[in-house]
């Protein structure tokens, strides 16, 4: 679960840093936030790919463990 927290914090930090840079460049208001999300999303796709892969593995294995107990143990009701 640590990988999920690290990835989420990295995304938030990236959005905040992008918004701060855009603010210093003169972009204000809601446009700043919208452009910051867009730019940080593109940057995070490249920069945070390793962390995103770790999150994917973590969540997939957790969901697999949860579904093993429910799908095999209980028959479907009519």
PDB file of N, CA and C in Angstrom:
ATOM      1  N   UNK A   1       0.818  -1.191   0.000  1.00  0.00           N
ATOM      2  CA  UNK A   1       0.000   0.000   0.000  1.00  0.00           C
ATOM      3  C   UNK A   1       0.862   1.254   0.000  1.00  0.00           C
ATOM      4  N   UNK A   2       2.112   1.097   0.392  1.00  0.00           N
ATOM      5  CA  UNK A   2       3.030   2.232   0.418  1.00  0.00           C
ATOM      6  C   UNK A   2       3.213   2.821  -0.973  1.00  0.00           C
ATOM      7  N   UNK A   3       3.243   1.988  -1.993  1.00  0.00           N
ATOM      8  CA  UNK A   3       3.453   2.479  -3.354  1.00  0.00           C
ATOM      9  C   UNK A   3       2.304   3.379  -3.809  1.00  0.00           C
ATOM     10  N   UNK A   4       1.097   3.097  -3.360  1.00  0.00           N
ATOM     11  CA  UNK A   4      -0.062   3.924  -3.705  1.00  0.00           C
ATOM     12  C   UNK A   4       0.090   5.315  -3.095  1.00  0.00           C
ATOM     13  N   UNK A   5       0.524   5.367  -1.847  1.00  0.00           N
ATOM     14  CA  UNK A   5       0.704   6.647  -1.165  1.00  0.00           C
ATOM     15  C   UNK A   5       1.829   7.448  -1.812  1.00  0.00           C
ATOM     16  N   UNK A   6       2.939   6.796  -2.124  1.00  0.00           N
ATOM     17  CA  UNK A   6       4.075   7.485  -2.752  1.00  0.00           C
ATOM     18  C   UNK A   6       3.668   8.049  -4.112  1.00  0.00           C
ATOM     19  N   UNK A   7       2.951   7.256  -4.906  1.00  0.00           N
ATOM     20  CA  UNK A   7       2.515   7.719  -6.223  1.00  0.00           C
ATOM     21  C   UNK A   7       1.553   8.892  -6.099  1.00  0.00           C
ATOM     22  N   UNK A   8       0.605   8.807  -5.180  1.00  0.00           N
ATOM     23  CA  UNK A   8      -0.368   9.886  -5.008  1.00  0.00           C
ATOM     24  C   UNK A   8       0.302  11.177  -4.556  1.00  0.00           C
ATOM     25  N   UNK A   9       1.237  11.073  -3.627  1.00  0.00           N
ATOM     26  CA  UNK A   9       1.955  12.258  -3.177  1.00  0.00           C
ATOM     27  C   UNK A   9       2.821  12.851  -4.287  1.00  0.00           C
ATOM     28  N   UNK A  10       3.421  12.007  -5.095  1.00  0.00           N
ATOM     29  CA  UNK A  10       4.225  12.494  -6.213  1.00  0.00           C
ATOM     30  C   UNK A  10       3.354  13.233  -7.230  1.00  0.00           C
ATOM     31  N   UNK A  11       2.158  12.706  -7.498  1.00  0.00           N
ATOM     32  CA  UNK A  11       1.237  13.390  -8.417  1.00  0.00           C
ATOM     33  C   UNK A  11       0.810  14.752  -7.875  1.00  0.00           C
ATOM     34  N   UNK A  12       0.459  14.792  -6.583  1.00  0.00           N
ATOM     35  CA  UNK A  12       0.055  16.059  -5.966  1.00  0.00           C
ATOM     36  C   UNK A  12       1.195  17.076  -5.979  1.00  0.00           C
ATOM     37  N   UNK A  13       2.395  16.626  -5.689  1.00  0.00           N
ATOM     38  CA  UNK A  13       3.561  17.508  -5.715  1.00  0.00           C
ATOM     39  C   UNK A  13       3.818  18.037  -7.120  1.00  0.00           C
ATOM     40  N   UNK A  14       3.657  17.192  -8.098  1.00  0.00           N
ATOM     41  CA  UNK A  14       3.856  17.600  -9.484  1.00  0.00           C
ATOM     42  C   UNK A  14       2.819  18.637  -9.913  1.00  0.00           C
ATOM     43  N   UNK A  15       1.565  18.456  -9.527  1.00  0.00           N
ATOM     44  CA  UNK A  15       0.515  19.432  -9.845  1.00  0.00           C
ATOM     45  C   UNK A  15       0.810  20.760  -9.158  1.00  0.00           C
ATOM     46  N   UNK A  16       1.196  20.699  -7.885  1.00  0.00           N
ATOM     47  CA  UNK A  16       1.477  21.924  -7.133  1.00  0.00           C
ATOM     48  C   UNK A  16       2.674  22.676  -7.715  1.00  0.00           C
ATOM     49  N   UNK A  17       3.715  21.939  -8.064  1.00  0.00           N
ATOM     50  CA  UNK A  17       4.895  22.583  -8.640  1.00  0.00           C
ATOM     51  C   UNK A  17       4.576  23.212  -9.990  1.00  0.00           C
ATOM     52  N   UNK A  18       3.798  22.520 -10.803  1.00  0.00           N
ATOM     53  CA  UNK A  18       3.413  23.053 -12.108  1.00  0.00           C
ATOM     54  C   UNK A  18       2.549  24.299 -11.945  1.00  0.00           C
ATOM     55  N   UNK A  19       1.600  24.267 -11.009  1.00  0.00           N
ATOM     56  CA  UNK A  19       0.746  25.430 -10.768  1.00  0.00           C
ATOM     57  C   UNK A  19       1.567  26.615 -10.267  1.00  0.00           C
ATOM     58  N   UNK A  20       2.560  26.348  -9.417  1.00  0.00           N
ATOM     59  CA  UNK A  20       3.411  27.424  -8.912  1.00  0.00           C
ATOM     60  C   UNK A  20       4.236  28.056 -10.030  1.00  0.00           C
ATOM     61  N   UNK A  21       4.776  27.237 -10.901  1.00  0.00           N
ATOM     62  CA  UNK A  21       5.559  27.765 -12.025  1.00  0.00           C
ATOM     63  C   UNK A  21       4.668  28.593 -12.947  1.00  0.00           C
ATOM     64  N   UNK A  22       3.477  28.094 -13.234  1.00  0.00           N
ATOM     65  CA  UNK A  22       2.555  28.841 -14.090  1.00  0.00           C
ATOM     66  C   UNK A  22       2.133  30.150 -13.429  1.00  0.00           C
ATOM     67  N   UNK A  23       1.982  30.142 -12.113  1.00  0.00           N
ATOM     68  CA  UNK A  23       1.624  31.360 -11.388  1.00  0.00           C
ATOM     69  C   UNK A  23       2.736  32.393 -11.506  1.00  0.00           C
ATOM     70  N   UNK A  24       3.978  31.931 -11.375  1.00  0.00           N
ATOM     71  CA  UNK A  24       5.110  32.845 -11.512  1.00  0.00           C
ATOM     72  C   UNK A  24       5.234  33.395 -12.936  1.00  0.00           C
ATOM     73  N   UNK A  25       4.745  32.649 -13.898  1.00  0.00           N
ATOM     74  CA  UNK A  25       4.771  33.097 -15.286  1.00  0.00           C
ATOM     75  C   UNK A  25       3.589  34.006 -15.623  1.00  0.00           C
ATOM     76  N   UNK A  26       2.689  34.214 -14.652  1.00  0.00           N
ATOM     77  CA  UNK A  26       1.606  35.163 -14.850  1.00  0.00           C
ATOM     78  C   UNK A  26       0.233  34.556 -15.068  1.00  0.00           C
ATOM     79  N   UNK A  27       0.113  33.251 -15.048  1.00  0.00           N
ATOM     80  CA  UNK A  27      -1.191  32.629 -15.250  1.00  0.00           C
ATOM     81  C   UNK A  27      -1.906  32.528 -13.908  1.00  0.00           C
ATOM     82  N   UNK A  28      -3.121  33.033 -13.849  1.00  0.00           N
ATOM     83  CA  UNK A  28      -3.857  33.086 -12.591  1.00  0.00           C
ATOM     84  C   UNK A  28      -5.212  32.389 -12.727  1.00  0.00           C
ATOM     85  N   UNK A  29      -5.807  32.075 -11.585  1.00  0.00           N
ATOM     86  CA  UNK A  29      -7.173  31.599 -11.531  1.00  0.00           C
ATOM     87  C   UNK A  29      -7.370  30.153 -11.942  1.00  0.00           C
ATOM     88  N   UNK A  30      -8.576  29.884 -12.413  1.00  0.00           N
ATOM     89  CA  UNK A  30      -8.975  28.532 -12.774  1.00  0.00           C
ATOM     90  C   UNK A  30      -8.190  28.017 -13.978  1.00  0.00           C
ATOM     91  N   UNK A  31      -7.808  28.910 -14.862  1.00  0.00           N
ATOM     92  CA  UNK A  31      -7.001  28.508 -16.017  1.00  0.00           C
ATOM     93  C   UNK A  31      -5.664  27.926 -15.563  1.00  0.00           C
ATOM     94  N   UNK A  32      -5.073  28.517 -14.531  1.00  0.00           N
ATOM     95  CA  UNK A  32      -3.817  28.012 -13.977  1.00  0.00           C
ATOM     96  C   UNK A  32      -3.988  26.562 -13.530  1.00  0.00           C
ATOM     97  N   UNK A  33      -5.036  26.301 -12.790  1.00  0.00           N
ATOM     98  CA  UNK A  33      -5.278  24.950 -12.279  1.00  0.00           C
ATOM     99  C   UNK A  33      -5.521  23.950 -13.406  1.00  0.00           C
ATOM    100  N   UNK A  34      -6.309  24.354 -14.387  1.00  0.00           N
ATOM    101  CA  UNK A  34      -6.614  23.457 -15.510  1.00  0.00           C
ATOM    102  C   UNK A  34      -5.355  23.124 -16.311  1.00  0.00           C
ATOM    103  N   UNK A  35      -4.564  24.126 -16.602  1.00  0.00           N
ATOM    104  CA  UNK A  35      -3.338  23.900 -17.376  1.00  0.00           C
ATOM    105  C   UNK A  35      -2.323  23.116 -16.542  1.00  0.00           C
ATOM    106  N   UNK A  36      -2.273  23.373 -15.243  1.00  0.00           N
ATOM    107  CA  UNK A  36      -1.356  22.634 -14.364  1.00  0.00           C
ATOM    108  C   UNK A  36      -1.704  21.148 -14.353  1.00  0.00           C
ATOM    109  N   UNK A  37      -2.995  20.816 -14.277  1.00  0.00           N
ATOM    110  CA  UNK A  37      -3.397  19.407 -14.323  1.00  0.00           C
ATOM    111  C   UNK A  37      -3.033  18.773 -15.661  1.00  0.00           C
ATOM    112  N   UNK A  38      -3.240  19.493 -16.732  1.00  0.00           N
ATOM    113  CA  UNK A  38      -2.918  18.964 -18.053  1.00  0.00           C
ATOM    114  C   UNK A  38      -1.418  18.715 -18.205  1.00  0.00           C
ATOM    115  N   UNK A  39      -0.618  19.706 -17.881  1.00  0.00           N
ATOM    116  CA  UNK A  39       0.834  19.570 -18.031  1.00  0.00           C
ATOM    117  C   UNK A  39       1.383  18.510 -17.086  1.00  0.00           C
ATOM    118  N   UNK A  40       0.939  18.530 -15.839  1.00  0.00           N
ATOM    119  CA  UNK A  40       1.459  17.548 -14.879  1.00  0.00           C
ATOM    120  C   UNK A  40       1.033  16.131 -15.245  1.00  0.00           C
ATOM    121  N   UNK A  41      -0.125  15.985 -15.850  1.00  0.00           N
ATOM    122  CA  UNK A  41      -0.552  14.664 -16.302  1.00  0.00           C
ATOM    123  C   UNK A  41       0.345  14.111 -17.386  1.00  0.00           C
ATOM    124  N   UNK A  42       0.729  14.976 -18.316  1.00  0.00           N
ATOM    125  CA  UNK A  42       1.630  14.562 -19.393  1.00  0.00           C
ATOM    126  C   UNK A  42       3.010  14.236 -18.842  1.00  0.00           C
ATOM    127  N   UNK A  43       3.509  15.094 -17.957  1.00  0.00           N
ATOM    128  CA  UNK A  43       4.830  14.872 -17.372  1.00  0.00           C
ATOM    129  C   UNK A  43       4.838  13.606 -16.512  1.00  0.00           C
ATOM    130  N   UNK A  44       3.797  13.400 -15.727  1.00  0.00           N
ATOM    131  CA  UNK A  44       3.766  12.226 -14.854  1.00  0.00           C
ATOM    132  C   UNK A  44       3.668  10.926 -15.641  1.00  0.00           C
ATOM    133  N   UNK A  45       3.077  10.988 -16.818  1.00  0.00           N
ATOM    134  CA  UNK A  45       2.997   9.790 -17.658  1.00  0.00           C
ATOM    135  C   UNK A  45       4.397   9.266 -17.967  1.00  0.00           C
ATOM    136  N   UNK A  46       5.333  10.178 -18.158  1.00  0.00           N
ATOM    137  CA  UNK A  46       6.707   9.795 -18.472  1.00  0.00           C
ATOM    138  C   UNK A  46       7.530   9.594 -17.202  1.00  0.00           C
ATOM    139  N   UNK A  47       7.465  10.562 -16.289  1.00  0.00           N
ATOM    140  CA  UNK A  47       8.345  10.574 -15.127  1.00  0.00           C
ATOM    141  C   UNK A  47       7.948   9.539 -14.081  1.00  0.00           C
ATOM    142  N   UNK A  48       6.663   9.315 -13.892  1.00  0.00           N
ATOM    143  CA  UNK A  48       6.200   8.427 -12.825  1.00  0.00           C
ATOM    144  C   UNK A  48       5.767   7.052 -13.333  1.00  0.00           C
ATOM    145  N   UNK A  49       6.249   6.633 -14.472  1.00  0.00           N
ATOM    146  CA  UNK A  49       5.808   5.348 -15.025  1.00  0.00           C
ATOM    147  C   UNK A  49       6.204   4.173 -14.131  1.00  0.00           C
ATOM    148  N   UNK A  50       7.372   4.208 -13.538  1.00  0.00           N
ATOM    149  CA  UNK A  50       7.816   3.113 -12.669  1.00  0.00           C
ATOM    150  C   UNK A  50       6.927   3.010 -11.427  1.00  0.00           C
ATOM    151  N   UNK A  51       6.603   4.174 -10.830  1.00  0.00           N
ATOM    152  CA  UNK A  51       5.731   4.163  -9.656  1.00  0.00           C
ATOM    153  C   UNK A  51       4.324   3.709 -10.014  1.00  0.00           C
ATOM    154  N   UNK A  52       3.838   4.113 -11.197  1.00  0.00           N
ATOM    155  CA  UNK A  52       2.504   3.701 -11.644  1.00  0.00           C
ATOM    156  C   UNK A  52       2.448   2.192 -11.843  1.00  0.00           C
ATOM    157  N   UNK A  53       3.518   1.603 -12.351  1.00  0.00           N
ATOM    158  CA  UNK A  53       3.580   0.149 -12.513  1.00  0.00           C
ATOM    159  C   UNK A  53       3.540  -0.558 -11.156  1.00  0.00           C
ATOM    160  N   UNK A  54       4.236  -0.020 -10.164  1.00  0.00           N
ATOM    161  CA  UNK A  54       4.212  -0.609  -8.827  1.00  0.00           C
ATOM    162  C   UNK A  54       2.809  -0.549  -8.234  1.00  0.00           C
ATOM    163  N   UNK A  55       2.128   0.584  -8.429  1.00  0.00           N
ATOM    164  CA  UNK A  55       0.757   0.718  -7.924  1.00  0.00           C
ATOM    165  C   UNK A  55      -0.153  -0.289  -8.601  1.00  0.00           C
ATOM    166  N   UNK A  56       0.021  -0.472  -9.888  1.00  0.00           N
ATOM    167  CA  UNK A  56      -0.800  -1.422 -10.629  1.00  0.00           C
ATOM    168  C   UNK A  56      -0.615  -2.844 -10.107  1.00  0.00           C
ATOM    169  N   UNK A  57       0.618  -3.232  -9.879  1.00  0.00           N
ATOM    170  CA  UNK A  57       0.898  -4.568  -9.349  1.00  0.00           C
ATOM    171  C   UNK A  57       0.301  -4.725  -7.953  1.00  0.00           C
ATOM    172  N   UNK A  58       0.459  -3.702  -7.120  1.00  0.00           N
ATOM    173  CA  UNK A  58      -0.066  -3.754  -5.755  1.00  0.00           C
ATOM    174  C   UNK A  58      -1.579  -3.909  -5.756  1.00  0.00           C
ATOM    175  N   UNK A  59      -2.265  -3.082  -6.536  1.00  0.00           N
ATOM    176  CA  UNK A  59      -3.725  -3.127  -6.549  1.00  0.00           C
ATOM    177  C   UNK A  59      -4.252  -4.407  -7.193  1.00  0.00           C
ATOM    178  N   UNK A  60      -3.586  -4.886  -8.238  1.00  0.00           N
ATOM    179  CA  UNK A  60      -4.013  -6.116  -8.896  1.00  0.00           C
ATOM    180  C   UNK A  60      -3.876  -7.310  -7.958  1.00  0.00           C
ATOM    181  N   UNK A  61      -2.764  -7.384  -7.244  1.00  0.00           N
ATOM    182  CA  UNK A  61      -2.584  -8.510  -6.327  1.00  0.00           C
ATOM    183  C   UNK A  61      -3.567  -8.433  -5.165  1.00  0.00           C
ATOM    184  N   UNK A  62      -3.848  -7.233  -4.688  1.00  0.00           N
ATOM    185  CA  UNK A  62      -4.809  -7.088  -3.589  1.00  0.00           C
ATOM    186  C   UNK A  62      -6.211  -7.482  -4.047  1.00  0.00           C
ATOM    187  N   UNK A  63      -6.606  -7.051  -5.236  1.00  0.00           N
ATOM    188  CA  UNK A  63      -7.923  -7.410  -5.759  1.00  0.00           C
ATOM    189  C   UNK A  63      -8.004  -8.905  -6.027  1.00  0.00           C
ATOM    190  N   UNK A  64      -6.914  -9.515  -6.469  1.00  0.00           N
ATOM    191  CA  UNK A  64      -6.887 -10.951  -6.712  1.00  0.00           C
ATOM    192  C   UNK A  64      -7.073 -11.747  -5.436  1.00  0.00           C
ATOM    193  N   UNK A  65      -6.441 -11.300  -4.358  1.00  0.00           N
ATOM    194  CA  UNK A  65      -6.593 -11.980  -3.068  1.00  0.00           C
ATOM    195  C   UNK A  65      -8.012 -11.855  -2.549  1.00  0.00           C
ATOM    196  N   UNK A  66      -8.630 -10.704  -2.747  1.00  0.00           N
ATOM    197  CA  UNK A  66      -9.996 -10.507  -2.272  1.00  0.00           C
ATOM    198  C   UNK A  66     -10.987 -11.348  -3.068  1.00  0.00           C
ATOM    199  N   UNK A  67     -10.788 -11.451  -4.370  1.00  0.00           N
ATOM    200  CA  UNK A  67     -11.743 -12.184  -5.200  1.00  0.00           C
ATOM    201  C   UNK A  67     -11.592 -13.700  -5.068  1.00  0.00           C
ATOM    202  N   UNK A  68     -10.430 -14.176  -4.659  1.00  0.00           N
ATOM    203  CA  UNK A  68     -10.245 -15.616  -4.483  1.00  0.00           C
ATOM    204  C   UNK A  68     -11.192 -16.173  -3.431  1.00  0.00           C
ATOM    205  N   UNK A  69     -11.349 -15.475  -2.345  1.00  0.00           N
ATOM    206  CA  UNK A  69     -12.194 -15.955  -1.257  1.00  0.00           C
ATOM    207  C   UNK A  69     -13.664 -15.860  -1.589  1.00  0.00           C
ATOM    208  N   UNK A  70     -14.085 -14.915  -2.392  1.00  0.00           N
ATOM    209  CA  UNK A  70     -15.515 -14.727  -2.666  1.00  0.00           C
ATOM    210  C   UNK A  70     -15.991 -15.571  -3.837  1.00  0.00           C
ATOM    211  N   UNK A  71     -15.187 -15.770  -4.859  1.00  0.00           N
ATOM    212  CA  UNK A  71     -15.675 -16.456  -6.052  1.00  0.00           C
ATOM    213  C   UNK A  71     -15.671 -17.970  -5.914  1.00  0.00           C
ATOM    214  N   UNK A  72     -14.721 -18.544  -5.177  1.00  0.00           N
ATOM    215  CA  UNK A  72     -14.609 -19.990  -5.092  1.00  0.00           C
ATOM    216  C   UNK A  72     -15.425 -20.575  -3.931  1.00  0.00           C
ATOM    217  N   UNK A  73     -15.587 -19.825  -2.871  1.00  0.00           N
ATOM    218  CA  UNK A  73     -16.224 -20.355  -1.669  1.00  0.00           C
ATOM    219  C   UNK A  73     -17.749 -20.312  -1.719  1.00  0.00           C
ATOM    220  N   UNK A  74     -18.296 -19.356  -2.420  1.00  0.00           N
ATOM    221  CA  UNK A  74     -19.741 -19.147  -2.373  1.00  0.00           C
ATOM    222  C   UNK A  74     -20.356 -19.421  -3.744  1.00  0.00           C
ATOM    223  N   UNK A  75     -21.344 -20.318  -3.807  1.00  0.00           N
ATOM    224  CA  UNK A  75     -22.034 -20.548  -5.078  1.00  0.00           C
ATOM    225  C   UNK A  75     -22.963 -19.380  -5.383  1.00  0.00           C
ATOM    226  N   UNK A  76     -23.264 -19.198  -6.646  1.00  0.00           N
ATOM    227  CA  UNK A  76     -24.186 -18.142  -7.040  1.00  0.00           C
ATOM    228  C   UNK A  76     -25.607 -18.515  -6.681  1.00  0.00           C
ATOM    229  N   UNK A  77     -26.362 -17.552  -6.179  1.00  0.00           N
ATOM    230  CA  UNK A  77     -27.761 -17.790  -5.811  1.00  0.00           C
ATOM    231  C   UNK A  77     -28.644 -17.637  -7.037  1.00  0.00           C
ATOM    232  N   UNK A  78     -29.721 -18.405  -7.065  1.00  0.00           N
ATOM    233  CA  UNK A  78     -30.681 -18.312  -8.193  1.00  0.00           C
ATOM    234  C   UNK A  78     -31.645 -17.193  -7.999  1.00  0.00           C
TER     235      UNK A  78
END
